C-alpha atoms as a PDB file:
ATOM      1  CA  MET A   1       6.958 166.414  68.906  1.00  0.00           C
ATOM      2  CA  PHE A   2       5.369 167.314  72.211  1.00  0.00           C
ATOM      3  CA  ALA A   3       5.124 170.831  73.623  1.00  0.00           C
ATOM      4  CA  THR A   4       2.804 173.541  74.818  1.00  0.00           C
ATOM      5  CA  ALA A   5       1.814 176.927  73.394  1.00  0.00           C
ATOM      6  CA  LEU A   6       4.040 178.996  71.118  1.00  0.00           C
ATOM      7  CA  ASN A   7       5.489 182.389  71.932  1.00  0.00           C
ATOM      8  CA  LYS A   8       3.338 185.253  70.706  1.00  0.00           C
ATOM      9  CA  PRO A   9       5.195 188.146  69.057  1.00  0.00           C
ATOM     10  CA  GLN A  10       5.586 191.173  71.316  1.00  0.00           C
ATOM     11  CA  ASN A  11       6.958 194.604  70.469  1.00  0.00           C
ATOM     12  CA  ASN A  12       7.474 195.921  74.008  1.00  0.00           C
ATOM     13  CA  LEU A  13      10.914 194.390  74.435  1.00  0.00           C
ATOM     14  CA  PRO A  14      13.374 195.916  76.915  1.00  0.00           C
ATOM     15  CA  HIS A  15      16.253 197.929  75.541  1.00  0.00           C
ATOM     16  CA  ASN A  16      18.975 195.831  77.203  1.00  0.00           C
ATOM     17  CA  LEU A  17      18.069 192.181  76.648  1.00  0.00           C
ATOM     18  CA  PHE A  18      21.317 190.887  78.159  1.00  0.00           C
ATOM     19  CA  GLU A  19      20.564 192.692  81.419  1.00  0.00           C
ATOM     20  CA  GLU A  20      16.939 191.555  81.550  1.00  0.00           C
ATOM     21  CA  ILE A  21      17.835 187.946  80.774  1.00  0.00           C
ATOM     22  CA  SER A  22      20.408 188.001  83.585  1.00  0.00           C
ATOM     23  CA  LYS A  23      17.707 189.239  85.980  1.00  0.00           C
ATOM     24  CA  LEU A  24      15.295 186.523  84.867  1.00  0.00           C
ATOM     25  CA  LYS A  25      17.965 183.862  85.349  1.00  0.00           C
ATOM     26  CA  LYS A  26      18.235 184.820  88.999  1.00  0.00           C
ATOM     27  CA  GLU A  27      14.483 185.121  89.524  1.00  0.00           C
ATOM     28  CA  LEU A  28      13.758 181.727  87.963  1.00  0.00           C
ATOM     29  CA  ASN A  29      16.915 179.956  89.144  1.00  0.00           C
ATOM     30  CA  ALA A  30      17.416 179.188  85.472  1.00  0.00           C
ATOM     31  CA  VAL A  31      20.335 177.894  83.445  1.00  0.00           C
ATOM     32  CA  ILE A  32      20.784 178.691  79.760  1.00  0.00           C
ATOM     33  CA  LEU A  33      22.289 175.891  77.676  1.00  0.00           C
ATOM     34  CA  ALA A  34      23.333 176.801  74.139  1.00  0.00           C
ATOM     35  CA  HIS A  35      24.643 174.771  71.249  1.00  0.00           C
ATOM     36  CA  TYR A  36      27.699 175.960  69.345  1.00  0.00           C
ATOM     37  CA  TYR A  37      25.512 176.515  66.276  1.00  0.00           C
ATOM     38  CA  GLN A  38      23.449 179.255  67.925  1.00  0.00           C
ATOM     39  CA  ASP A  39      23.873 182.928  67.025  1.00  0.00           C
ATOM     40  CA  SER A  40      26.815 184.582  68.732  1.00  0.00           C
ATOM     41  CA  ASP A  41      24.687 186.774  71.035  1.00  0.00           C
ATOM     42  CA  ILE A  42      22.940 183.689  72.439  1.00  0.00           C
ATOM     43  CA  GLN A  43      26.300 181.989  72.921  1.00  0.00           C
ATOM     44  CA  ASP A  44      27.522 185.034  74.827  1.00  0.00           C
ATOM     45  CA  ILE A  45      24.585 185.013  77.293  1.00  0.00           C
ATOM     46  CA  ALA A  46      24.626 181.240  77.859  1.00  0.00           C
ATOM     47  CA  ASP A  47      25.825 179.604  81.068  1.00  0.00           C
ATOM     48  CA  TYR A  48      27.127 176.633  79.133  1.00  0.00           C
ATOM     49  CA  ILE A  49      27.990 176.254  75.445  1.00  0.00           C
ATOM     50  CA  GLY A  50      28.648 172.818  74.030  1.00  0.00           C
ATOM     51  CA  ASP A  51      27.904 170.002  71.636  1.00  0.00           C
ATOM     52  CA  SER A  52      25.290 167.302  72.119  1.00  0.00           C
ATOM     53  CA  LEU A  53      27.245 165.219  74.642  1.00  0.00           C
ATOM     54  CA  GLY A  54      28.329 168.187  76.745  1.00  0.00           C
ATOM     55  CA  LEU A  55      24.833 169.630  76.754  1.00  0.00           C
ATOM     56  CA  SER A  56      23.356 166.261  77.760  1.00  0.00           C
ATOM     57  CA  GLN A  57      25.801 166.006  80.640  1.00  0.00           C
ATOM     58  CA  GLN A  58      25.077 169.556  81.770  1.00  0.00           C
ATOM     59  CA  ALA A  59      21.334 168.921  81.587  1.00  0.00           C
ATOM     60  CA  ALA A  60      21.768 165.785  83.692  1.00  0.00           C
ATOM     61  CA  ASN A  61      23.748 167.572  86.390  1.00  0.00           C
ATOM     62  CA  THR A  62      22.073 170.981  86.680  1.00  0.00           C
ATOM     63  CA  ASN A  63      20.595 172.175  89.975  1.00  0.00           C
ATOM     64  CA  ALA A  64      18.548 174.873  88.243  1.00  0.00           C
ATOM     65  CA  ASP A  65      14.754 174.863  88.454  1.00  0.00           C
ATOM     66  CA  VAL A  66      14.401 176.036  84.842  1.00  0.00           C
ATOM     67  CA  ILE A  67      16.404 174.901  81.819  1.00  0.00           C
ATOM     68  CA  VAL A  68      16.347 177.272  78.859  1.00  0.00           C
ATOM     69  CA  PHE A  69      17.622 175.292  75.911  1.00  0.00           C
ATOM     70  CA  ALA A  70      18.959 177.381  73.055  1.00  0.00           C
ATOM     71  CA  GLY A  71      19.217 174.626  70.510  1.00  0.00           C
ATOM     72  CA  VAL A  72      16.811 172.457  68.553  1.00  0.00           C
ATOM     73  CA  HIS A  73      13.826 170.411  69.656  1.00  0.00           C
ATOM     74  CA  PHE A  74      15.493 167.030  70.175  1.00  0.00           C
ATOM     75  CA  MET A  75      18.093 168.673  72.441  1.00  0.00           C
ATOM     76  CA  ALA A  76      15.424 170.244  74.635  1.00  0.00           C
ATOM     77  CA  GLU A  77      13.613 166.891  74.689  1.00  0.00           C
ATOM     78  CA  THR A  78      16.815 165.265  75.958  1.00  0.00           C
ATOM     79  CA  ALA A  79      16.969 167.812  78.776  1.00  0.00           C
ATOM     80  CA  LYS A  80      13.355 167.011  79.676  1.00  0.00           C
ATOM     81  CA  ILE A  81      14.014 163.267  79.567  1.00  0.00           C
ATOM     82  CA  LEU A  82      16.820 163.774  82.086  1.00  0.00           C
ATOM     83  CA  ASN A  83      14.901 166.332  84.174  1.00  0.00           C
ATOM     84  CA  PRO A  84      11.219 165.340  84.275  1.00  0.00           C
ATOM     85  CA  HIS A  85      10.362 167.662  87.159  1.00  0.00           C
ATOM     86  CA  LYS A  86      12.102 170.764  85.825  1.00  0.00           C
ATOM     87  CA  LEU A  87      10.640 173.381  83.525  1.00  0.00           C
ATOM     88  CA  VAL A  88      12.368 173.066  80.129  1.00  0.00           C
ATOM     89  CA  LEU A  89      11.918 175.958  77.710  1.00  0.00           C
ATOM     90  CA  LEU A  90      12.778 176.173  74.017  1.00  0.00           C
ATOM     91  CA  PRO A  91      12.763 179.713  72.568  1.00  0.00           C
ATOM     92  CA  ASP A  92      11.152 178.589  69.280  1.00  0.00           C
ATOM     93  CA  LEU A  93       9.246 175.305  68.982  1.00  0.00           C
ATOM     94  CA  ASP A  94       9.820 175.292  65.230  1.00  0.00           C
ATOM     95  CA  ALA A  95      13.557 174.828  65.826  1.00  0.00           C
ATOM     96  CA  GLY A  96      13.544 171.250  64.610  1.00  0.00           C
ATOM     97  CA  CYS A  97      16.148 169.128  62.838  1.00  0.00           C
ATOM     98  CA  SER A  98      16.197 167.789  59.297  1.00  0.00           C
ATOM     99  CA  LEU A  99      18.073 164.690  60.469  1.00  0.00           C
ATOM    100  CA  ALA A 100      15.627 163.925  63.290  1.00  0.00           C
ATOM    101  CA  ASP A 101      12.705 164.516  60.924  1.00  0.00           C
ATOM    102  CA  SER A 102      14.127 161.963  58.475  1.00  0.00           C
ATOM    103  CA  CYS A 103      13.477 159.115  60.925  1.00  0.00           C
ATOM    104  CA  THR A 104       9.805 158.726  61.827  1.00  0.00           C
ATOM    105  CA  PRO A 105       8.677 156.304  64.559  1.00  0.00           C
ATOM    106  CA  ALA A 106       6.450 154.215  62.291  1.00  0.00           C
ATOM    107  CA  GLU A 107       9.123 153.777  59.624  1.00  0.00           C
ATOM    108  CA  PHE A 108      11.824 153.052  62.171  1.00  0.00           C
ATOM    109  CA  LYS A 109       9.658 150.466  63.929  1.00  0.00           C
ATOM    110  CA  ALA A 110       9.272 148.623  60.604  1.00  0.00           C
ATOM    111  CA  PHE A 111      13.022 148.958  59.979  1.00  0.00           C
ATOM    112  CA  LYS A 112      13.801 147.374  63.360  1.00  0.00           C
ATOM    113  CA  GLU A 113      11.342 144.549  62.713  1.00  0.00           C
ATOM    114  CA  ALA A 114      13.101 143.850  59.414  1.00  0.00           C
ATOM    115  CA  HIS A 115      16.381 143.352  61.300  1.00  0.00           C
ATOM    116  CA  PRO A 116      15.599 141.128  64.309  1.00  0.00           C
ATOM    117  CA  GLY A 117      18.362 140.531  66.837  1.00  0.00           C
ATOM    118  CA  HIS A 118      20.073 143.833  66.103  1.00  0.00           C
ATOM    119  CA  LEU A 119      21.147 146.231  68.857  1.00  0.00           C
ATOM    120  CA  VAL A 120      20.026 149.780  68.081  1.00  0.00           C
ATOM    121  CA  VAL A 121      22.575 152.561  68.496  1.00  0.00           C
ATOM    122  CA  SER A 122      20.965 155.915  67.727  1.00  0.00           C
ATOM    123  CA  TYR A 123      22.686 159.234  67.290  1.00  0.00           C
ATOM    124  CA  VAL A 124      21.320 161.757  69.788  1.00  0.00           C
ATOM    125  CA  ASN A 125      19.991 163.829  66.856  1.00  0.00           C
ATOM    126  CA  CYS A 126      16.671 161.992  66.901  1.00  0.00           C
ATOM    127  CA  THR A 127      13.267 162.420  68.519  1.00  0.00           C
ATOM    128  CA  ALA A 128      12.296 161.114  71.943  1.00  0.00           C
ATOM    129  CA  GLU A 129      10.208 158.399  70.254  1.00  0.00           C
ATOM    130  CA  ILE A 130      13.258 157.088  68.363  1.00  0.00           C
ATOM    131  CA  LYS A 131      15.358 157.217  71.536  1.00  0.00           C
ATOM    132  CA  ALA A 132      12.653 155.153  73.237  1.00  0.00           C
ATOM    133  CA  MET A 133      13.096 152.476  70.543  1.00  0.00           C
ATOM    134  CA  SER A 134      16.888 152.455  70.919  1.00  0.00           C
ATOM    135  CA  ASP A 135      19.266 150.443  73.095  1.00  0.00           C
ATOM    136  CA  ILE A 136      22.080 153.002  73.336  1.00  0.00           C
ATOM    137  CA  ILE A 137      22.302 156.665  72.365  1.00  0.00           C
ATOM    138  CA  CYS A 138      25.549 158.153  71.076  1.00  0.00           C
ATOM    139  CA  THR A 139      26.888 161.514  69.955  1.00  0.00           C
ATOM    140  CA  SER A 140      29.419 162.394  67.274  1.00  0.00           C
ATOM    141  CA  SER A 141      32.075 162.641  69.979  1.00  0.00           C
ATOM    142  CA  ASN A 142      31.524 159.170  71.450  1.00  0.00           C
ATOM    143  CA  ALA A 143      29.936 157.113  68.631  1.00  0.00           C
ATOM    144  CA  VAL A 144      33.163 155.262  67.813  1.00  0.00           C
ATOM    145  CA  LYS A 145      33.860 154.548  71.501  1.00  0.00           C
ATOM    146  CA  ILE A 146      30.303 153.309  72.062  1.00  0.00           C
ATOM    147  CA  VAL A 147      30.406 150.877  69.125  1.00  0.00           C
ATOM    148  CA  GLN A 148      33.854 149.617  70.128  1.00  0.00           C
ATOM    149  CA  GLN A 149      32.420 148.537  73.493  1.00  0.00           C
ATOM    150  CA  ILE A 150      29.742 146.337  71.885  1.00  0.00           C
ATOM    151  CA  PRO A 151      30.699 142.647  71.331  1.00  0.00           C
ATOM    152  CA  GLU A 152      31.832 142.043  67.754  1.00  0.00           C
ATOM    153  CA  ASP A 153      29.323 139.250  67.202  1.00  0.00           C
ATOM    154  CA  GLN A 154      26.392 141.553  68.057  1.00  0.00           C
ATOM    155  CA  PRO A 155      24.743 142.967  64.891  1.00  0.00           C
ATOM    156  CA  ILE A 156      23.997 146.686  65.112  1.00  0.00           C
ATOM    157  CA  ILE A 157      21.523 149.106  63.571  1.00  0.00           C
ATOM    158  CA  PHE A 158      22.932 152.631  63.479  1.00  0.00           C
ATOM    159  CA  ALA A 159      20.472 155.494  63.079  1.00  0.00           C
ATOM    160  CA  PRO A 160      19.607 158.024  61.852  1.00  0.00           C
ATOM    161  CA  ASP A 161      22.721 159.596  60.212  1.00  0.00           C
ATOM    162  CA  ARG A 162      24.237 157.500  57.424  1.00  0.00           C
ATOM    163  CA  ASN A 163      27.339 159.687  57.127  1.00  0.00           C
ATOM    164  CA  LEU A 164      28.219 159.408  60.810  1.00  0.00           C
ATOM    165  CA  GLY A 165      27.414 155.689  60.611  1.00  0.00           C
ATOM    166  CA  ARG A 166      29.723 155.261  57.632  1.00  0.00           C
ATOM    167  CA  TYR A 167      32.483 157.080  59.504  1.00  0.00           C
ATOM    168  CA  VAL A 168      31.995 154.822  62.542  1.00  0.00           C
ATOM    169  CA  MET A 169      32.220 151.762  60.277  1.00  0.00           C
ATOM    170  CA  GLU A 170      35.534 153.003  58.864  1.00  0.00           C
ATOM    171  CA  GLN A 171      36.954 153.721  62.314  1.00  0.00           C
ATOM    172  CA  THR A 172      35.832 150.486  63.979  1.00  0.00           C
ATOM    173  CA  GLY A 173      35.827 147.989  61.132  1.00  0.00           C
ATOM    174  CA  ARG A 174      32.295 147.002  62.118  1.00  0.00           C
ATOM    175  CA  ASP A 175      29.540 146.245  59.627  1.00  0.00           C
ATOM    176  CA  LEU A 176      26.569 148.399  60.651  1.00  0.00           C
ATOM    177  CA  VAL A 177      23.044 148.442  59.224  1.00  0.00           C
ATOM    178  CA  LEU A 178      22.524 152.136  58.465  1.00  0.00           C
ATOM    179  CA  TRP A 179      19.301 154.112  58.495  1.00  0.00           C
ATOM    180  CA  GLN A 180      19.527 156.400  55.464  1.00  0.00           C
ATOM    181  CA  GLY A 181      19.096 159.786  57.135  1.00  0.00           C
ATOM    182  CA  SER A 182      21.297 162.860  56.835  1.00  0.00           C
ATOM    183  CA  CYS A 183      21.724 166.453  57.991  1.00  0.00           C
ATOM    184  CA  MET A 184      20.776 169.042  55.383  1.00  0.00           C
ATOM    185  CA  VAL A 185      23.568 171.378  56.545  1.00  0.00           C
ATOM    186  CA  HIS A 186      26.412 168.870  56.489  1.00  0.00           C
ATOM    187  CA  GLU A 187      25.414 167.625  53.041  1.00  0.00           C
ATOM    188  CA  THR A 188      25.553 171.082  51.445  1.00  0.00           C
ATOM    189  CA  PHE A 189      29.330 171.517  51.494  1.00  0.00           C
ATOM    190  CA  SER A 190      30.921 171.654  48.066  1.00  0.00           C
ATOM    191  CA  GLU A 191      33.978 169.446  47.601  1.00  0.00           C
ATOM    192  CA  LYS A 192      34.947 171.475  44.528  1.00  0.00           C
ATOM    193  CA  LYS A 193      34.838 174.782  46.418  1.00  0.00           C
ATOM    194  CA  ILE A 194      36.749 173.330  49.370  1.00  0.00           C
ATOM    195  CA  VAL A 195      39.516 172.242  46.992  1.00  0.00           C
ATOM    196  CA  GLN A 196      39.514 175.741  45.489  1.00  0.00           C
ATOM    197  CA  LEU A 197      39.954 177.176  48.996  1.00  0.00           C
ATOM    198  CA  GLN A 198      42.843 174.791  49.599  1.00  0.00           C
ATOM    199  CA  VAL A 199      44.518 176.201  46.489  1.00  0.00           C
ATOM    200  CA  GLU A 200      43.859 179.762  47.695  1.00  0.00           C
ATOM    201  CA  TYR A 201      45.064 178.954  51.230  1.00  0.00           C
ATOM    202  CA  PRO A 202      47.752 176.285  50.740  1.00  0.00           C
ATOM    203  CA  GLU A 203      48.736 176.305  54.431  1.00  0.00           C
ATOM    204  CA  ALA A 204      45.170 175.837  55.648  1.00  0.00           C
ATOM    205  CA  GLU A 205      43.872 172.604  57.155  1.00  0.00           C
ATOM    206  CA  VAL A 206      40.372 171.308  56.525  1.00  0.00           C
ATOM    207  CA  ILE A 207      38.667 170.272  59.765  1.00  0.00           C
ATOM    208  CA  ALA A 208      35.309 168.542  59.448  1.00  0.00           C
ATOM    209  CA  HIS A 209      32.395 167.072  61.362  1.00  0.00           C
ATOM    210  CA  PRO A 210      31.776 163.348  60.710  1.00  0.00           C
ATOM    211  CA  GLU A 211      28.213 164.126  59.564  1.00  0.00           C
ATOM    212  CA  CYS A 212      29.779 165.464  56.343  1.00  0.00           C
ATOM    213  CA  GLU A 213      29.771 163.300  53.236  1.00  0.00           C
ATOM    214  CA  SER A 214      32.811 161.119  52.560  1.00  0.00           C
ATOM    215  CA  SER A 215      33.772 163.282  49.569  1.00  0.00           C
ATOM    216  CA  VAL A 216      34.370 166.149  52.014  1.00  0.00           C
ATOM    217  CA  LEU A 217      35.889 164.063  54.801  1.00  0.00           C
ATOM    218  CA  ARG A 218      38.658 162.754  52.558  1.00  0.00           C
ATOM    219  CA  HIS A 219      40.081 166.284  52.360  1.00  0.00           C
ATOM    220  CA  ALA A 220      40.068 166.763  56.128  1.00  0.00           C
ATOM    221  CA  THR A 221      43.223 166.745  58.214  1.00  0.00           C
ATOM    222  CA  TYR A 222      41.099 166.325  61.319  1.00  0.00           C
ATOM    223  CA  ILE A 223      37.571 164.898  61.774  1.00  0.00           C
ATOM    224  CA  GLY A 224      35.714 165.299  65.045  1.00  0.00           C
ATOM    225  CA  SER A 225      32.714 166.525  66.998  1.00  0.00           C
ATOM    226  CA  THR A 226      32.089 170.242  67.306  1.00  0.00           C
ATOM    227  CA  THR A 227      33.912 170.397  70.644  1.00  0.00           C
ATOM    228  CA  ALA A 228      36.788 168.336  69.255  1.00  0.00           C
ATOM    229  CA  LEU A 229      37.116 170.700  66.274  1.00  0.00           C
ATOM    230  CA  LEU A 230      37.218 173.667  68.645  1.00  0.00           C
ATOM    231  CA  LYS A 231      39.901 172.067  70.793  1.00  0.00           C
ATOM    232  CA  TYR A 232      41.983 171.004  67.792  1.00  0.00           C
ATOM    233  CA  SER A 233      41.924 174.484  66.291  1.00  0.00           C
ATOM    234  CA  GLN A 234      43.150 175.935  69.593  1.00  0.00           C
ATOM    235  CA  GLU A 235      45.986 173.458  70.057  1.00  0.00           C
ATOM    236  CA  SER A 236      47.215 173.216  66.456  1.00  0.00           C
ATOM    237  CA  GLN A 237      50.176 175.288  65.276  1.00  0.00           C
ATOM    238  CA  ILE A 238      48.340 175.896  61.997  1.00  0.00           C
ATOM    239  CA  LYS A 239      46.989 179.433  61.548  1.00  0.00           C
ATOM    240  CA  ASP A 240      44.385 178.915  58.797  1.00  0.00           C
ATOM    241  CA  PHE A 241      41.431 176.512  58.963  1.00  0.00           C
ATOM    242  CA  ILE A 242      38.677 175.635  56.522  1.00  0.00           C
ATOM    243  CA  VAL A 243      35.823 174.638  58.816  1.00  0.00           C
ATOM    244  CA  ALA A 244      33.365 172.060  57.443  1.00  0.00           C
ATOM    245  CA  THR A 245      30.527 172.233  59.941  1.00  0.00           C
ATOM    246  CA  GLU A 246      27.810 174.743  60.837  1.00  0.00           C
ATOM    247  CA  PRO A 247      29.627 178.122  60.993  1.00  0.00           C
ATOM    248  CA  GLY A 248      28.188 179.063  64.387  1.00  0.00           C
ATOM    249  CA  ILE A 249      31.202 177.316  65.939  1.00  0.00           C
ATOM    250  CA  ILE A 250      33.542 179.871  64.365  1.00  0.00           C
ATOM    251  CA  HIS A 251      32.442 182.445  66.969  1.00  0.00           C
ATOM    252  CA  GLN A 252      33.978 180.306  69.712  1.00  0.00           C
ATOM    253  CA  MET A 253      37.003 179.399  67.591  1.00  0.00           C
ATOM    254  CA  ALA A 254      37.790 183.066  66.958  1.00  0.00           C
ATOM    255  CA  LYS A 255      37.319 183.936  70.646  1.00  0.00           C
ATOM    256  CA  ALA A 256      39.655 181.134  71.731  1.00  0.00           C
ATOM    257  CA  ALA A 257      42.294 181.814  69.069  1.00  0.00           C
ATOM    258  CA  PRO A 258      41.967 185.415  67.813  1.00  0.00           C
ATOM    259  CA  ASP A 259      45.293 185.185  65.995  1.00  0.00           C
ATOM    260  CA  LYS A 260      43.999 182.454  63.679  1.00  0.00           C
ATOM    261  CA  HIS A 261      41.925 182.598  60.495  1.00  0.00           C
ATOM    262  CA  PHE A 262      38.756 180.501  60.213  1.00  0.00           C
ATOM    263  CA  ILE A 263      37.099 180.064  56.829  1.00  0.00           C
ATOM    264  CA  PRO A 264      33.613 178.513  56.671  1.00  0.00           C
ATOM    265  CA  ALA A 265      33.454 175.706  54.128  1.00  0.00           C
ATOM    266  CA  PRO A 266      31.243 176.914  51.256  1.00  0.00           C
ATOM    267  CA  ALA A 267      27.973 175.354  50.207  1.00  0.00           C
ATOM    268  CA  ILE A 268      27.254 173.940  46.766  1.00  0.00           C
ATOM    269  CA  ASN A 269      25.094 176.941  45.839  1.00  0.00           C
ATOM    270  CA  ASN A 270      25.825 180.594  46.500  1.00  0.00           C
ATOM    271  CA  CYS A 271      23.675 180.684  49.610  1.00  0.00           C
ATOM    272  CA  ALA A 272      23.864 180.490  53.389  1.00  0.00           C
ATOM    273  CA  CYS A 273      22.908 176.803  53.207  1.00  0.00           C
ATOM    274  CA  ASN A 274      25.764 175.897  55.564  1.00  0.00           C
ATOM    275  CA  GLU A 275      23.845 177.714  58.330  1.00  0.00           C
ATOM    276  CA  CYS A 276      21.243 175.548  60.038  1.00  0.00           C
ATOM    277  CA  PRO A 277      17.890 177.289  59.503  1.00  0.00           C
ATOM    278  CA  HIS A 278      16.421 175.502  62.518  1.00  0.00           C
ATOM    279  CA  MET A 279      19.168 176.579  64.919  1.00  0.00           C
ATOM    280  CA  ARG A 280      18.870 180.162  63.682  1.00  0.00           C
ATOM    281  CA  LEU A 281      15.166 180.329  64.545  1.00  0.00           C
ATOM    282  CA  ASN A 282      16.178 180.955  68.139  1.00  0.00           C
ATOM    283  CA  THR A 283      16.933 184.612  68.805  1.00  0.00           C
ATOM    284  CA  LEU A 284      17.855 186.624  71.872  1.00  0.00           C
ATOM    285  CA  GLU A 285      14.385 188.219  71.780  1.00  0.00           C
ATOM    286  CA  LYS A 286      12.638 184.821  71.740  1.00  0.00           C
ATOM    287  CA  LEU A 287      14.885 183.585  74.529  1.00  0.00           C
ATOM    288  CA  TYR A 288      13.912 186.565  76.672  1.00  0.00           C
ATOM    289  CA  LEU A 289      10.197 186.064  75.957  1.00  0.00           C
ATOM    290  CA  ALA A 290      10.427 182.347  76.747  1.00  0.00           C
ATOM    291  CA  MET A 291      11.884 183.139  80.159  1.00  0.00           C
ATOM    292  CA  LYS A 292       9.480 186.012  80.816  1.00  0.00           C
ATOM    293  CA  ASN A 293       6.379 184.007  79.857  1.00  0.00           C
ATOM    294  CA  LYS A 294       7.672 180.556  80.901  1.00  0.00           C
ATOM    295  CA  THR A 295       6.640 179.185  77.544  1.00  0.00           C
ATOM    296  CA  PRO A 296       7.071 177.349  75.131  1.00  0.00           C
ATOM    297  CA  GLU A 297       7.538 174.426  77.495  1.00  0.00           C
ATOM    298  CA  ILE A 298       8.769 171.016  76.393  1.00  0.00           C
ATOM    299  CA  THR A 299       6.590 168.169  77.696  1.00  0.00           C
ATOM    300  CA  LEU A 300       6.694 164.421  77.056  1.00  0.00           C
ATOM    301  CA  PRO A 301       4.355 161.503  77.797  1.00  0.00           C
ATOM    302  CA  GLU A 302       5.844 159.650  80.765  1.00  0.00           C
ATOM    303  CA  ASP A 303       6.034 156.289  78.980  1.00  0.00           C
ATOM    304  CA  ILE A 304       8.064 157.824  76.131  1.00  0.00           C
ATOM    305  CA  ARG A 305      10.270 159.761  78.544  1.00  0.00           C
ATOM    306  CA  ALA A 306      11.014 156.725  80.731  1.00  0.00           C
ATOM    307  CA  ALA A 307      11.790 154.511  77.746  1.00  0.00           C
ATOM    308  CA  ALA A 308      14.050 157.177  76.193  1.00  0.00           C
ATOM    309  CA  LEU A 309      15.912 157.694  79.459  1.00  0.00           C
ATOM    310  CA  LYS A 310      17.421 154.197  79.565  1.00  0.00           C
ATOM    311  CA  PRO A 311      19.552 154.408  76.374  1.00  0.00           C
ATOM    312  CA  ILE A 312      20.718 157.911  77.333  1.00  0.00           C
ATOM    313  CA  GLN A 313      21.830 156.620  80.733  1.00  0.00           C
ATOM    314  CA  ARG A 314      23.684 153.782  79.013  1.00  0.00           C
ATOM    315  CA  MET A 315      25.471 156.351  76.838  1.00  0.00           C
ATOM    316  CA  LEU A 316      26.462 158.494  79.800  1.00  0.00           C
ATOM    317  CA  ALA A 317      27.747 155.411  81.642  1.00  0.00           C
ATOM    318  CA  MET A 318      29.768 154.292  78.591  1.00  0.00           C
ATOM    319  CA  SER A 319      31.170 157.784  77.982  1.00  0.00           C
END
């Protein structure tokens, strides 16, 4: 993880943060990119809301001088990889990712060496160092399409999410060597409680992200990326949905289809474990301070950035 100084807490915040952030956007020629898993107020102030692929594409095409990334660290790193000469800000540097953290460079280097001749396809939810060791990056929305374009006789390492990798194997019929990483949020959903909800709401459909465990996915009517889940819920004639992904997306689902009922899939314990604690570290106050102070800034060593750029460009070309 590479970055500069952290935000320092300040109490002299303006009364109307939305108004002040809008002013700063104009002054800085800034764009605010927000993931669907961010708090609703951040989603509402963002210029673009999306999943990993959409955010990567927006970051690649922006004309802004400053990119404010309301997401987690690997997402802001991706924006910096694509925009080396732009100022990239992350409201809270501690907004990491349990999945990205599960795949360290030293361990992954040894893993690659143990599987010579394998092409490395890495899910975008990984650090810049892991991207630099990869051949192609993918997202949950294009992972199947990416693997389908690779010759069948080419052995593949898929990292770091084993659940997404397992789903890709089922959809493509390919035998992938899986790094055994996972997302703490998508592994907290309770199959038992989802079945109980299906009994309570017999007309409801379960829609799920492919990072969920197979025990959850087998109950899903539809499996897809965050954007795909949003689109499906809008277009479906069904009125009730049990949503098995981080519940931040429900804000956009409810805005797009206010006549429908969205039920967050429950976690195993009676907790808010289905909310990503890293995503929720970003707040509107921290976003304002990041823009006001132009820090925390995401920086990367040029050799890492250049090496990580190539597999991202391959992904964008194959998407």
